[in-house]
Amino acid sequence: MSTTKLAIIYYSATGHNYQMASWAKEAAEQVGAEVRLVKARELAPDAAIDSNPAWRKHVDATQDIPIASSDDIEWADAIIWSVPTRFGVPPAQIKQFIDEQGGLWASGKTINKVVSAMTSAQNPHGGQEATLLSMYTIMMHWGAIIVPPGYTDEVLFKSGGNPYGASATAIEGSLNDALKASVQHQARRTIEVASKLKS
């Protein structure tokens, strides 16, 4: 059986979703997946980025991460999205990338992609679940196969118990071992399902 191919597509302003995406990549590679870690193109002007030192630091530190393209989606058997929440929905950077995929969608190239999503928000009730459901609504239109973590492992309860996907609260100390374990369980589950479908 050929190797399962995973595209991890993320957007991150100050680094939370980049860290979650990196943890997912580590776990997926540990179970034998071929992984592409790519980011959505930044749309914010430099003035906005420069107004937040953490944002500027993260943008400068991740210059080597490739920009996501349609080829990444077409190549992948599975996709993990790691996106922050903006007013309970995905940020413009992710939405813009998704909106550019009309050609892939129209030609049936998003059908049966296995997908899962993770998110972060600034506070514990900042719209994480709404954002994940928004992502999954889009994926339904794609004809994708949604693989949430559900309550498939006890580790999920240690990081907040979100059955829709791993979710962080963007405060100091939130990128902890419990969150990492949840992210990595979700990544392994995504690969497990994708591998079964591929075979």
N, C-alpha and C. Protein backbone atom coordinates (compact mmCIF):
# COMPACT_ATOMS: atom_id res chain seq x y z
N MET A 1 0.84 -1.19 0.00
CA MET A 1 0.00 0.00 0.00
C MET A 1 0.88 1.25 0.00
N SER A 2 0.49 2.24 -0.78
CA SER A 2 1.29 3.45 -0.86
C SER A 2 1.10 4.32 0.39
N THR A 3 2.05 5.20 0.62
CA THR A 3 2.05 6.06 1.79
C THR A 3 0.89 7.04 1.74
N THR A 4 0.26 7.25 2.88
CA THR A 4 -0.82 8.24 2.98
C THR A 4 -0.22 9.64 2.98
N LYS A 5 -0.80 10.50 2.16
CA LYS A 5 -0.27 11.86 2.00
C LYS A 5 -1.17 12.86 2.73
N LEU A 6 -0.57 13.65 3.59
CA LEU A 6 -1.30 14.62 4.41
C LEU A 6 -0.81 16.03 4.14
N ALA A 7 -1.75 16.91 3.81
CA ALA A 7 -1.45 18.35 3.74
C ALA A 7 -1.96 18.99 5.02
N ILE A 8 -1.08 19.67 5.73
CA ILE A 8 -1.48 20.46 6.90
C ILE A 8 -1.45 21.91 6.47
N ILE A 9 -2.64 22.49 6.41
CA ILE A 9 -2.77 23.87 5.93
C ILE A 9 -3.16 24.75 7.12
N TYR A 10 -2.35 25.75 7.39
CA TYR A 10 -2.61 26.56 8.57
C TYR A 10 -2.52 28.04 8.25
N TYR A 11 -3.10 28.83 9.12
CA TYR A 11 -2.82 30.26 9.19
C TYR A 11 -2.58 30.59 10.65
N SER A 12 -1.58 31.41 10.90
CA SER A 12 -1.25 31.77 12.27
C SER A 12 -0.69 33.18 12.29
N ALA A 13 -1.24 34.01 13.16
CA ALA A 13 -0.70 35.36 13.31
C ALA A 13 0.47 35.36 14.28
N THR A 14 0.24 34.86 15.49
CA THR A 14 1.29 34.93 16.50
C THR A 14 1.89 33.59 16.87
N GLY A 15 1.45 32.50 16.23
CA GLY A 15 2.15 31.25 16.37
C GLY A 15 1.41 30.07 16.97
N HIS A 16 0.22 30.29 17.55
CA HIS A 16 -0.49 29.18 18.17
C HIS A 16 -0.86 28.10 17.15
N ASN A 17 -1.45 28.49 16.05
CA ASN A 17 -1.86 27.49 15.06
C ASN A 17 -0.68 26.92 14.30
N TYR A 18 0.39 27.66 14.20
CA TYR A 18 1.62 27.10 13.62
C TYR A 18 2.14 25.99 14.52
N GLN A 19 2.15 26.22 15.83
CA GLN A 19 2.62 25.20 16.76
C GLN A 19 1.74 23.95 16.70
N MET A 20 0.43 24.15 16.67
CA MET A 20 -0.48 23.01 16.58
C MET A 20 -0.25 22.24 15.27
N ALA A 21 -0.07 22.97 14.18
CA ALA A 21 0.20 22.32 12.89
C ALA A 21 1.51 21.54 12.93
N SER A 22 2.51 22.09 13.60
CA SER A 22 3.80 21.42 13.70
C SER A 22 3.68 20.14 14.52
N TRP A 23 2.91 20.18 15.60
CA TRP A 23 2.67 18.97 16.39
C TRP A 23 1.96 17.90 15.56
N ALA A 24 0.98 18.33 14.77
CA ALA A 24 0.26 17.38 13.92
C ALA A 24 1.21 16.74 12.90
N LYS A 25 2.08 17.54 12.33
CA LYS A 25 3.07 17.02 11.37
C LYS A 25 3.95 15.97 12.01
N GLU A 26 4.43 16.26 13.21
CA GLU A 26 5.29 15.31 13.93
C GLU A 26 4.58 13.98 14.14
N ALA A 27 3.33 14.02 14.60
CA ALA A 27 2.59 12.79 14.86
C ALA A 27 2.30 12.02 13.58
N ALA A 28 1.92 12.73 12.53
CA ALA A 28 1.61 12.07 11.26
C ALA A 28 2.83 11.39 10.67
N GLU A 29 3.97 12.05 10.76
CA GLU A 29 5.20 11.43 10.25
C GLU A 29 5.60 10.22 11.08
N GLN A 30 5.32 10.26 12.38
CA GLN A 30 5.65 9.13 13.24
C GLN A 30 4.87 7.87 12.86
N VAL A 31 3.67 8.05 12.28
CA VAL A 31 2.90 6.88 11.85
C VAL A 31 3.05 6.61 10.35
N GLY A 32 4.06 7.23 9.74
CA GLY A 32 4.43 6.88 8.37
C GLY A 32 3.83 7.71 7.26
N ALA A 33 3.13 8.79 7.58
CA ALA A 33 2.54 9.62 6.53
C ALA A 33 3.60 10.51 5.88
N GLU A 34 3.35 10.85 4.63
CA GLU A 34 4.13 11.87 3.94
C GLU A 34 3.41 13.19 4.14
N VAL A 35 4.08 14.21 4.66
CA VAL A 35 3.39 15.42 5.11
C VAL A 35 3.93 16.66 4.40
N ARG A 36 3.02 17.51 3.99
CA ARG A 36 3.35 18.87 3.54
C ARG A 36 2.75 19.84 4.55
N LEU A 37 3.58 20.66 5.16
CA LEU A 37 3.13 21.73 6.05
C LEU A 37 3.19 23.04 5.28
N VAL A 38 2.03 23.63 5.05
CA VAL A 38 1.95 24.85 4.24
C VAL A 38 1.04 25.86 4.91
N LYS A 39 1.22 27.12 4.58
CA LYS A 39 0.45 28.19 5.22
C LYS A 39 -0.35 28.99 4.20
N ALA A 40 -1.45 29.53 4.67
CA ALA A 40 -2.24 30.45 3.84
C ALA A 40 -1.48 31.76 3.69
N ARG A 41 -1.63 32.38 2.55
CA ARG A 41 -0.96 33.65 2.27
C ARG A 41 -1.45 34.73 3.23
N GLU A 42 -0.53 35.51 3.75
CA GLU A 42 -0.90 36.62 4.63
C GLU A 42 -1.54 37.73 3.81
N LEU A 43 -2.67 38.22 4.28
CA LEU A 43 -3.39 39.29 3.59
C LEU A 43 -3.31 40.62 4.33
N ALA A 44 -2.92 40.58 5.58
CA ALA A 44 -2.89 41.81 6.38
C ALA A 44 -1.75 42.72 5.92
N PRO A 45 -1.95 44.02 5.96
CA PRO A 45 -0.88 44.95 5.58
C PRO A 45 0.22 44.97 6.63
N ASP A 46 1.40 45.38 6.20
CA ASP A 46 2.54 45.45 7.12
C ASP A 46 2.25 46.33 8.33
N ALA A 47 1.47 47.38 8.14
CA ALA A 47 1.17 48.28 9.26
C ALA A 47 0.44 47.53 10.37
N ALA A 48 -0.47 46.64 10.00
CA ALA A 48 -1.20 45.86 11.00
C ALA A 48 -0.26 44.86 11.67
N ILE A 49 0.56 44.20 10.88
CA ILE A 49 1.49 43.22 11.43
C ILE A 49 2.48 43.90 12.37
N ASP A 50 3.00 45.04 11.95
CA ASP A 50 3.99 45.76 12.76
C ASP A 50 3.41 46.31 14.05
N SER A 51 2.10 46.46 14.11
CA SER A 51 1.47 47.00 15.32
C SER A 51 1.48 45.99 16.46
N ASN A 52 1.76 44.71 16.15
CA ASN A 52 1.79 43.66 17.16
C ASN A 52 3.15 42.95 17.06
N PRO A 53 4.04 43.20 18.01
CA PRO A 53 5.40 42.62 17.93
C PRO A 53 5.40 41.09 17.80
N ALA A 54 4.44 40.42 18.46
CA ALA A 54 4.40 38.95 18.38
C ALA A 54 4.02 38.50 16.97
N TRP A 55 3.14 39.26 16.33
CA TRP A 55 2.74 38.95 14.95
C TRP A 55 3.93 39.12 14.01
N ARG A 56 4.62 40.25 14.13
CA ARG A 56 5.78 40.49 13.27
C ARG A 56 6.85 39.43 13.50
N LYS A 57 7.10 39.07 14.75
CA LYS A 57 8.11 38.06 15.07
C LYS A 57 7.76 36.73 14.42
N HIS A 58 6.48 36.35 14.50
CA HIS A 58 6.08 35.06 13.92
C HIS A 58 6.16 35.09 12.39
N VAL A 59 5.72 36.15 11.78
CA VAL A 59 5.79 36.26 10.31
C VAL A 59 7.24 36.14 9.85
N ASP A 60 8.14 36.83 10.53
CA ASP A 60 9.55 36.80 10.14
C ASP A 60 10.17 35.42 10.37
N ALA A 61 9.71 34.73 11.42
CA ALA A 61 10.30 33.43 11.78
C ALA A 61 9.83 32.29 10.89
N THR A 62 8.76 32.49 10.13
CA THR A 62 8.20 31.39 9.33
C THR A 62 8.24 31.69 7.82
N GLN A 63 9.20 32.49 7.42
CA GLN A 63 9.34 32.85 6.01
C GLN A 63 9.62 31.63 5.13
N ASP A 64 10.19 30.57 5.72
CA ASP A 64 10.56 29.40 4.93
C ASP A 64 9.42 28.41 4.73
N ILE A 65 8.28 28.64 5.39
CA ILE A 65 7.14 27.73 5.21
C ILE A 65 6.48 28.05 3.86
N PRO A 66 6.28 27.04 3.01
CA PRO A 66 5.67 27.31 1.69
C PRO A 66 4.24 27.82 1.81
N ILE A 67 3.85 28.62 0.83
CA ILE A 67 2.47 29.11 0.72
C ILE A 67 1.61 27.99 0.14
N ALA A 68 0.46 27.77 0.75
CA ALA A 68 -0.45 26.72 0.29
C ALA A 68 -0.93 26.98 -1.13
N SER A 69 -1.11 25.90 -1.89
CA SER A 69 -1.59 26.00 -3.26
C SER A 69 -2.62 24.92 -3.54
N SER A 70 -3.29 25.04 -4.66
CA SER A 70 -4.24 24.01 -5.08
C SER A 70 -3.56 22.66 -5.24
N ASP A 71 -2.30 22.66 -5.63
CA ASP A 71 -1.56 21.42 -5.80
C ASP A 71 -1.48 20.63 -4.50
N ASP A 72 -1.37 21.34 -3.38
CA ASP A 72 -1.29 20.65 -2.09
C ASP A 72 -2.57 19.87 -1.80
N ILE A 73 -3.71 20.46 -2.14
CA ILE A 73 -4.99 19.80 -1.92
C ILE A 73 -5.16 18.62 -2.87
N GLU A 74 -4.83 18.82 -4.13
CA GLU A 74 -4.97 17.75 -5.11
C GLU A 74 -4.05 16.57 -4.77
N TRP A 75 -2.85 16.87 -4.27
CA TRP A 75 -1.87 15.85 -3.92
C TRP A 75 -2.29 15.01 -2.72
N ALA A 76 -2.97 15.63 -1.78
CA ALA A 76 -3.22 15.02 -0.47
C ALA A 76 -4.34 13.99 -0.48
N ASP A 77 -4.15 12.95 0.34
CA ASP A 77 -5.25 12.05 0.67
C ASP A 77 -6.06 12.62 1.83
N ALA A 78 -5.39 13.37 2.68
CA ALA A 78 -6.03 13.94 3.87
C ALA A 78 -5.52 15.37 4.08
N ILE A 79 -6.36 16.18 4.72
CA ILE A 79 -6.02 17.57 5.02
C ILE A 79 -6.36 17.85 6.48
N ILE A 80 -5.42 18.43 7.18
CA ILE A 80 -5.70 18.98 8.51
C ILE A 80 -5.58 20.49 8.41
N TRP A 81 -6.63 21.17 8.83
CA TRP A 81 -6.65 22.63 8.87
C TRP A 81 -6.36 23.10 10.30
N SER A 82 -5.47 24.05 10.45
CA SER A 82 -5.22 24.66 11.76
C SER A 82 -5.41 26.17 11.60
N VAL A 83 -6.52 26.65 12.14
CA VAL A 83 -6.92 28.04 11.86
C VAL A 83 -7.38 28.74 13.14
N PRO A 84 -7.05 30.01 13.31
CA PRO A 84 -7.60 30.75 14.44
C PRO A 84 -9.06 31.11 14.17
N THR A 85 -9.75 31.51 15.21
CA THR A 85 -11.12 31.99 15.03
C THR A 85 -11.14 33.51 14.99
N ARG A 86 -11.93 34.02 14.09
CA ARG A 86 -12.16 35.47 14.00
C ARG A 86 -13.67 35.68 14.06
N PHE A 87 -14.16 36.11 15.20
CA PHE A 87 -15.60 36.32 15.39
C PHE A 87 -16.39 35.05 15.11
N GLY A 88 -15.83 33.90 15.49
CA GLY A 88 -16.54 32.63 15.36
C GLY A 88 -16.49 31.98 14.00
N VAL A 89 -15.66 32.51 13.11
CA VAL A 89 -15.49 31.91 11.78
C VAL A 89 -14.01 31.91 11.42
N PRO A 90 -13.61 31.17 10.39
CA PRO A 90 -12.19 31.16 10.00
C PRO A 90 -11.73 32.55 9.55
N PRO A 91 -10.45 32.84 9.67
CA PRO A 91 -9.92 34.15 9.26
C PRO A 91 -9.94 34.32 7.75
N ALA A 92 -9.85 35.56 7.33
CA ALA A 92 -9.90 35.90 5.91
C ALA A 92 -8.82 35.17 5.11
N GLN A 93 -7.67 34.98 5.71
CA GLN A 93 -6.57 34.35 4.98
C GLN A 93 -6.93 32.92 4.56
N ILE A 94 -7.57 32.19 5.45
CA ILE A 94 -8.00 30.83 5.13
C ILE A 94 -9.19 30.85 4.17
N LYS A 95 -10.13 31.74 4.43
CA LYS A 95 -11.32 31.82 3.56
C LYS A 95 -10.92 32.19 2.14
N GLN A 96 -9.98 33.10 1.99
CA GLN A 96 -9.51 33.49 0.66
C GLN A 96 -8.91 32.28 -0.06
N PHE A 97 -8.09 31.52 0.64
CA PHE A 97 -7.48 30.33 0.03
C PHE A 97 -8.55 29.34 -0.39
N ILE A 98 -9.51 29.09 0.49
CA ILE A 98 -10.59 28.16 0.17
C ILE A 98 -11.41 28.66 -1.03
N ASP A 99 -11.70 29.95 -1.05
CA ASP A 99 -12.48 30.51 -2.15
C ASP A 99 -11.77 30.38 -3.49
N GLU A 100 -10.46 30.26 -3.47
CA GLU A 100 -9.68 30.11 -4.70
C GLU A 100 -9.72 28.68 -5.25
N GLN A 101 -10.34 27.76 -4.50
CA GLN A 101 -10.32 26.35 -4.89
C GLN A 101 -11.56 25.93 -5.69
N GLY A 102 -12.28 26.89 -6.23
CA GLY A 102 -13.48 26.58 -7.00
C GLY A 102 -13.22 25.64 -8.17
N GLY A 103 -12.07 25.81 -8.81
CA GLY A 103 -11.73 24.94 -9.94
C GLY A 103 -11.55 23.50 -9.52
N LEU A 104 -10.85 23.28 -8.40
CA LEU A 104 -10.68 21.92 -7.89
C LEU A 104 -12.02 21.31 -7.53
N TRP A 105 -12.82 22.09 -6.82
CA TRP A 105 -14.14 21.61 -6.39
C TRP A 105 -14.99 21.26 -7.61
N ALA A 106 -15.02 22.14 -8.60
CA ALA A 106 -15.87 21.92 -9.78
C ALA A 106 -15.45 20.70 -10.58
N SER A 107 -14.18 20.36 -10.51
CA SER A 107 -13.69 19.19 -11.26
C SER A 107 -13.70 17.92 -10.41
N GLY A 108 -14.27 17.99 -9.20
CA GLY A 108 -14.41 16.81 -8.36
C GLY A 108 -13.16 16.39 -7.61
N LYS A 109 -12.17 17.25 -7.57
CA LYS A 109 -10.90 16.86 -6.98
C LYS A 109 -10.83 17.05 -5.47
N THR A 110 -11.91 17.52 -4.87
CA THR A 110 -11.97 17.59 -3.40
C THR A 110 -12.80 16.44 -2.81
N ILE A 111 -13.44 15.67 -3.68
CA ILE A 111 -14.31 14.59 -3.22
C ILE A 111 -13.49 13.51 -2.51
N ASN A 112 -13.99 13.09 -1.35
CA ASN A 112 -13.42 12.00 -0.55
C ASN A 112 -12.05 12.31 0.05
N LYS A 113 -11.66 13.58 0.06
CA LYS A 113 -10.50 13.95 0.86
C LYS A 113 -10.89 13.81 2.33
N VAL A 114 -10.04 13.20 3.12
CA VAL A 114 -10.30 13.10 4.56
C VAL A 114 -9.83 14.39 5.21
N VAL A 115 -10.71 15.02 6.00
CA VAL A 115 -10.36 16.32 6.57
C VAL A 115 -10.65 16.36 8.08
N SER A 116 -9.84 17.16 8.77
CA SER A 116 -10.04 17.43 10.18
C SER A 116 -9.55 18.85 10.43
N ALA A 117 -10.01 19.46 11.51
CA ALA A 117 -9.65 20.86 11.75
C ALA A 117 -9.37 21.12 13.23
N MET A 118 -8.49 22.10 13.46
CA MET A 118 -8.12 22.55 14.79
C MET A 118 -8.19 24.07 14.81
N THR A 119 -8.28 24.65 16.01
CA THR A 119 -8.42 26.10 16.06
C THR A 119 -7.89 26.66 17.38
N SER A 120 -7.89 27.98 17.46
CA SER A 120 -7.56 28.68 18.70
C SER A 120 -8.36 29.97 18.75
N ALA A 121 -8.56 30.47 19.95
CA ALA A 121 -9.20 31.76 20.15
C ALA A 121 -8.58 32.40 21.38
N GLN A 122 -8.88 33.68 21.60
CA GLN A 122 -8.22 34.41 22.67
C GLN A 122 -8.75 34.06 24.06
N ASN A 123 -9.94 33.49 24.13
CA ASN A 123 -10.50 33.13 25.43
C ASN A 123 -11.23 31.80 25.31
N PRO A 124 -11.57 31.18 26.45
CA PRO A 124 -12.13 29.81 26.40
C PRO A 124 -13.44 29.67 25.64
N HIS A 125 -14.20 30.73 25.53
CA HIS A 125 -15.47 30.67 24.79
C HIS A 125 -15.45 31.70 23.65
N GLY A 126 -14.35 31.70 22.93
CA GLY A 126 -14.14 32.71 21.89
C GLY A 126 -14.57 32.30 20.51
N GLY A 127 -15.34 31.23 20.39
CA GLY A 127 -15.85 30.83 19.08
C GLY A 127 -15.16 29.63 18.47
N GLN A 128 -14.42 28.87 19.28
CA GLN A 128 -13.69 27.73 18.73
C GLN A 128 -14.62 26.73 18.04
N GLU A 129 -15.68 26.32 18.72
CA GLU A 129 -16.56 25.31 18.12
C GLU A 129 -17.25 25.84 16.88
N ALA A 130 -17.66 27.11 16.91
CA ALA A 130 -18.31 27.70 15.74
C ALA A 130 -17.36 27.74 14.55
N THR A 131 -16.11 28.04 14.81
CA THR A 131 -15.12 28.09 13.73
C THR A 131 -14.92 26.71 13.12
N LEU A 132 -14.80 25.69 13.96
CA LEU A 132 -14.63 24.34 13.44
C LEU A 132 -15.85 23.89 12.65
N LEU A 133 -17.03 24.20 13.14
CA LEU A 133 -18.24 23.85 12.40
C LEU A 133 -18.31 24.59 11.07
N SER A 134 -17.83 25.83 11.04
CA SER A 134 -17.77 26.58 9.78
C SER A 134 -16.85 25.89 8.78
N MET A 135 -15.69 25.45 9.27
CA MET A 135 -14.77 24.72 8.39
C MET A 135 -15.41 23.44 7.88
N TYR A 136 -16.10 22.72 8.75
CA TYR A 136 -16.70 21.46 8.34
C TYR A 136 -17.88 21.68 7.38
N THR A 137 -18.58 22.79 7.53
CA THR A 137 -19.64 23.11 6.55
C THR A 137 -19.05 23.26 5.16
N ILE A 138 -17.92 23.96 5.06
CA ILE A 138 -17.24 24.10 3.77
C ILE A 138 -16.84 22.74 3.24
N MET A 139 -16.31 21.91 4.12
CA MET A 139 -15.84 20.59 3.69
C MET A 139 -16.99 19.69 3.21
N MET A 140 -18.18 19.90 3.76
CA MET A 140 -19.35 19.17 3.25
C MET A 140 -19.61 19.54 1.80
N HIS A 141 -19.47 20.81 1.49
CA HIS A 141 -19.65 21.25 0.10
C HIS A 141 -18.59 20.62 -0.80
N TRP A 142 -17.42 20.38 -0.26
CA TRP A 142 -16.34 19.76 -1.03
C TRP A 142 -16.57 18.27 -1.26
N GLY A 143 -17.50 17.67 -0.54
CA GLY A 143 -17.66 16.22 -0.63
C GLY A 143 -16.59 15.48 0.13
N ALA A 144 -15.97 16.18 1.08
CA ALA A 144 -14.89 15.58 1.87
C ALA A 144 -15.47 14.69 2.97
N ILE A 145 -14.61 13.89 3.55
CA ILE A 145 -14.99 13.00 4.65
C ILE A 145 -14.41 13.59 5.94
N ILE A 146 -15.30 14.07 6.80
CA ILE A 146 -14.89 14.78 8.01
C ILE A 146 -14.56 13.78 9.11
N VAL A 147 -13.38 13.96 9.71
CA VAL A 147 -12.93 13.09 10.79
C VAL A 147 -12.59 13.95 12.01
N PRO A 148 -13.59 14.20 12.86
CA PRO A 148 -13.31 14.92 14.10
C PRO A 148 -12.72 13.96 15.13
N PRO A 149 -12.10 14.48 16.18
CA PRO A 149 -11.59 13.56 17.20
C PRO A 149 -12.69 12.91 18.01
N GLY A 150 -13.87 13.56 18.11
CA GLY A 150 -14.92 13.02 18.95
C GLY A 150 -14.39 12.81 20.36
N TYR A 151 -14.92 11.82 21.04
CA TYR A 151 -14.38 11.44 22.35
C TYR A 151 -13.75 10.07 22.23
N THR A 152 -12.72 10.01 21.38
CA THR A 152 -12.10 8.73 21.06
C THR A 152 -10.88 8.43 21.92
N ASP A 153 -10.52 9.35 22.80
CA ASP A 153 -9.38 9.12 23.68
C ASP A 153 -9.52 10.01 24.91
N GLU A 154 -9.13 9.48 26.05
CA GLU A 154 -9.23 10.23 27.31
C GLU A 154 -8.42 11.52 27.28
N VAL A 155 -7.38 11.57 26.47
CA VAL A 155 -6.51 12.74 26.44
C VAL A 155 -7.28 14.01 26.06
N LEU A 156 -8.37 13.84 25.33
CA LEU A 156 -9.13 15.01 24.87
C LEU A 156 -9.72 15.80 26.03
N PHE A 157 -10.09 15.12 27.09
CA PHE A 157 -10.70 15.81 28.21
C PHE A 157 -9.69 16.68 28.96
N LYS A 158 -8.42 16.33 28.85
CA LYS A 158 -7.38 17.09 29.56
C LYS A 158 -7.09 18.43 28.89
N SER A 159 -7.53 18.59 27.65
CA SER A 159 -7.27 19.84 26.95
C SER A 159 -8.56 20.59 26.60
N GLY A 160 -9.64 20.30 27.35
CA GLY A 160 -10.88 21.04 27.14
C GLY A 160 -12.05 20.22 26.65
N GLY A 161 -11.79 19.05 26.10
CA GLY A 161 -12.87 18.16 25.71
C GLY A 161 -13.69 18.59 24.51
N ASN A 162 -13.05 19.24 23.53
CA ASN A 162 -13.78 19.67 22.33
C ASN A 162 -13.85 18.51 21.33
N PRO A 163 -15.04 17.95 21.07
CA PRO A 163 -15.14 16.81 20.16
C PRO A 163 -14.99 17.18 18.69
N TYR A 164 -15.04 18.47 18.37
CA TYR A 164 -14.96 18.92 16.97
C TYR A 164 -13.52 19.00 16.48
N GLY A 165 -12.60 19.28 17.39
CA GLY A 165 -11.19 19.40 17.03
C GLY A 165 -10.41 20.03 18.16
N ALA A 166 -9.11 19.77 18.17
CA ALA A 166 -8.27 20.37 19.20
C ALA A 166 -8.41 21.89 19.15
N SER A 167 -8.50 22.51 20.32
CA SER A 167 -8.65 23.97 20.34
C SER A 167 -7.87 24.55 21.50
N ALA A 168 -7.17 25.62 21.20
CA ALA A 168 -6.33 26.30 22.19
C ALA A 168 -6.95 27.62 22.59
N THR A 169 -6.64 28.02 23.80
CA THR A 169 -6.93 29.38 24.24
C THR A 169 -5.61 30.13 24.17
N ALA A 170 -5.58 31.20 23.39
CA ALA A 170 -4.31 31.87 23.08
C ALA A 170 -3.84 32.74 24.23
N ILE A 171 -3.53 32.09 25.34
CA ILE A 171 -2.96 32.78 26.49
C ILE A 171 -1.68 32.06 26.87
N GLU A 172 -0.86 32.71 27.65
CA GLU A 172 0.41 32.12 28.04
C GLU A 172 0.18 30.79 28.75
N GLY A 173 0.92 29.79 28.34
CA GLY A 173 0.81 28.48 28.95
C GLY A 173 -0.20 27.55 28.29
N SER A 174 -0.93 28.05 27.29
CA SER A 174 -1.97 27.21 26.67
C SER A 174 -1.38 26.16 25.74
N LEU A 175 -0.19 26.41 25.23
CA LEU A 175 0.45 25.43 24.34
C LEU A 175 1.18 24.41 25.21
N ASN A 176 0.39 23.58 25.88
CA ASN A 176 0.94 22.68 26.89
C ASN A 176 0.91 21.22 26.41
N ASP A 177 1.36 20.32 27.28
CA ASP A 177 1.44 18.91 26.91
C ASP A 177 0.08 18.29 26.64
N ALA A 178 -0.96 18.75 27.36
CA ALA A 178 -2.30 18.21 27.14
C ALA A 178 -2.81 18.58 25.76
N LEU A 179 -2.59 19.82 25.35
CA LEU A 179 -3.01 20.24 24.01
C LEU A 179 -2.22 19.48 22.95
N LYS A 180 -0.92 19.36 23.17
CA LYS A 180 -0.08 18.62 22.20
C LYS A 180 -0.59 17.20 22.03
N ALA A 181 -0.92 16.55 23.14
CA ALA A 181 -1.42 15.17 23.07
C ALA A 181 -2.73 15.10 22.30
N SER A 182 -3.61 16.07 22.50
CA SER A 182 -4.88 16.09 21.77
C SER A 182 -4.67 16.30 20.28
N VAL A 183 -3.81 17.26 19.94
CA VAL A 183 -3.50 17.52 18.53
C VAL A 183 -2.93 16.27 17.88
N GLN A 184 -2.02 15.61 18.57
CA GLN A 184 -1.36 14.46 17.96
C GLN A 184 -2.29 13.26 17.85
N HIS A 185 -3.18 13.11 18.82
CA HIS A 185 -4.20 12.05 18.69
C HIS A 185 -5.07 12.32 17.46
N GLN A 186 -5.49 13.57 17.29
CA GLN A 186 -6.34 13.93 16.15
C GLN A 186 -5.61 13.67 14.83
N ALA A 187 -4.33 13.99 14.78
CA ALA A 187 -3.56 13.76 13.55
C ALA A 187 -3.45 12.27 13.25
N ARG A 188 -3.16 11.47 14.28
CA ARG A 188 -3.05 10.02 14.06
C ARG A 188 -4.39 9.43 13.62
N ARG A 189 -5.47 9.90 14.22
CA ARG A 189 -6.80 9.42 13.84
C ARG A 189 -7.11 9.77 12.38
N THR A 190 -6.75 10.98 11.97
CA THR A 190 -6.98 11.40 10.59
C THR A 190 -6.22 10.50 9.62
N ILE A 191 -4.97 10.20 9.94
CA ILE A 191 -4.16 9.32 9.08
C ILE A 191 -4.72 7.90 9.08
N GLU A 192 -5.15 7.43 10.24
CA GLU A 192 -5.71 6.08 10.32
C GLU A 192 -6.91 5.93 9.39
N VAL A 193 -7.84 6.89 9.45
CA VAL A 193 -9.03 6.81 8.59
C VAL A 193 -8.66 6.97 7.13
N ALA A 194 -7.79 7.91 6.82
CA ALA A 194 -7.38 8.12 5.43
C ALA A 194 -6.68 6.89 4.87
N SER A 195 -5.87 6.24 5.69
CA SER A 195 -5.15 5.06 5.22
C SER A 195 -6.12 3.91 4.92
N LYS A 196 -7.13 3.76 5.78
CA LYS A 196 -8.13 2.72 5.55
C LYS A 196 -8.90 2.98 4.25
N LEU A 197 -9.26 4.21 4.03
CA LEU A 197 -10.00 4.54 2.81
C LEU A 197 -9.10 4.34 1.57
N LYS A 198 -7.86 4.70 1.71
CA LYS A 198 -6.95 4.57 0.57
C LYS A 198 -6.73 3.11 0.18
N SER A 199 -6.74 2.23 1.19
CA SER A 199 -6.48 0.81 0.90
C SER A 199 -7.74 0.12 0.38
